[in-house]
Each structure stands twice: as structure tokens, then as C-alpha cells.
Protein backbone atom coordinates (compact mmCIF):
# COMPACT_ATOMS: atom_id res chain seq x y z
CA UNK A 1 -4.71 -2.81 15.17
CA UNK A 2 -4.62 -1.04 11.78
CA UNK A 3 -1.01 -0.08 12.33
CA UNK A 4 -0.03 -3.69 13.00
CA UNK A 5 -1.80 -4.82 9.84
CA UNK A 6 -0.15 -2.06 7.79
CA UNK A 7 3.32 -2.92 9.09
CA UNK A 8 2.80 -6.64 8.48
CA UNK A 9 1.60 -6.05 4.94
CA UNK A 10 4.48 -3.66 4.31
CA UNK A 11 6.93 -6.35 5.39
CA UNK A 12 5.29 -9.11 3.34
CA UNK A 13 4.01 -7.30 0.25
CA UNK A 14 6.19 -4.21 0.05
CA UNK A 15 5.44 -0.61 0.87
CA UNK A 16 4.01 0.19 -2.58
CA UNK A 17 1.59 -2.74 -2.81
CA UNK A 18 -2.03 -1.66 -3.32
CA UNK A 19 -3.21 -3.57 -0.22
CA UNK A 20 -0.39 -2.08 1.87
CA UNK A 21 -1.43 1.40 0.75
CA UNK A 22 -5.04 0.64 1.69
CA UNK A 23 -3.88 -0.36 5.19
CA UNK A 24 -1.77 2.81 5.41
CA UNK A 25 -4.83 4.92 4.56
CA UNK A 26 -6.99 3.07 7.09
CA UNK A 27 -4.32 3.60 9.75
CA UNK A 28 -4.43 7.32 9.00
CA UNK A 29 -8.23 7.27 9.35
CA UNK A 30 -7.94 5.49 12.70
CA UNK A 31 -5.50 8.10 14.01
CA UNK A 32 -7.87 10.83 12.81
CA UNK A 33 -10.74 9.28 14.73
CA UNK A 34 -8.53 9.23 17.84
CA UNK A 35 -7.83 12.94 17.44
CA UNK A 36 -4.18 12.47 16.46
CA UNK A 37 -4.36 14.76 13.46
CA UNK A 38 -0.62 15.25 12.92
CA UNK A 39 0.01 11.50 12.78
CA UNK A 40 -2.99 10.99 10.50
CA UNK A 41 -1.74 13.74 8.19
CA UNK A 42 1.73 12.28 7.96
CA UNK A 43 0.44 8.80 7.13
CA UNK A 44 -2.09 10.04 4.60
CA UNK A 45 0.41 12.32 2.87
CA UNK A 46 2.72 9.33 2.54
CA UNK A 47 -0.15 7.24 1.19
CA UNK A 48 -1.07 9.97 -1.30
CA UNK A 49 2.46 10.23 -2.67
CA UNK A 50 2.73 6.46 -3.05
CA UNK A 51 -0.69 6.09 -4.63
CA UNK A 52 0.20 8.79 -7.17
CA UNK A 53 3.26 6.78 -8.11
CA UNK A 54 1.58 3.36 -8.12
CA UNK A 55 -1.97 4.09 -9.29
CA UNK A 56 -1.68 7.45 -11.01
CA UNK A 57 -2.86 10.92 -10.10
CA UNK A 58 -6.45 10.47 -11.32
CA UNK A 59 -7.17 7.04 -9.84
CA UNK A 60 -10.20 7.19 -7.50
CA UNK A 61 -8.18 5.92 -4.52
CA UNK A 62 -5.53 8.59 -5.08
CA UNK A 63 -8.18 11.30 -5.37
CA UNK A 64 -9.90 10.06 -2.21
CA UNK A 65 -6.77 10.24 -0.08
CA UNK A 66 -5.90 13.66 -1.57
CA UNK A 67 -9.28 14.95 -0.39
CA UNK A 68 -8.71 13.54 3.07
CA UNK A 69 -5.27 15.18 3.25
CA UNK A 70 -6.94 18.52 2.46
CA UNK A 71 -9.55 17.88 5.16
CA UNK A 72 -6.82 17.13 7.71
CA UNK A 73 -4.94 20.31 6.76
CA UNK A 74 -8.12 22.36 7.33
CA UNK A 75 -8.82 20.64 10.65
CA UNK A 76 -5.27 21.31 11.84
CA UNK A 77 -5.51 24.94 10.78
CA UNK A 78 -8.82 25.35 12.62
CA UNK A 79 -7.39 23.71 15.74
CA UNK A 80 -4.80 26.48 16.10
């Protein structure tokens, strides 16, 4: 469901729109909750890079996704 919303927003608003990036982050969270850590990491890394560009490095939303990327990296390392 989140993935459909993200793709629709990306098509309508553009991939760097703030709402599109929010949907991208939520899609990453959904994949994390399903245990698909690699997919979640890929999506959230993409979101982080785009938020840095659009919102700036110190924006709260950018910082939040950066923290989640670090969490995913630790979870993947511990899963090995």
C-alpha cells in the first residue's frame, strides 16, 4: 500500500517533492516491519540522500531518516 502511494506521488509530484519523500520513508518503514531489511535500507538511503538535497543536512526529517539508516545497518550487521 505504501509503495503504491509512493510511486503515485513520485509520478504526480516528482521524486524530490517533500510528500513523495515522506511516502518513500514510510515505505522503507513498512519493509522494515515486514523483516525485509535490505529493501528498507535501500529505500531509506535513497530518501536520506534526497532529503539532504531538498531539505538540508540538519533538517529534522533528514536527521530522522539518517538515524533510521544507521539502525538498519546495525540490524543487518547483527543478522549476519
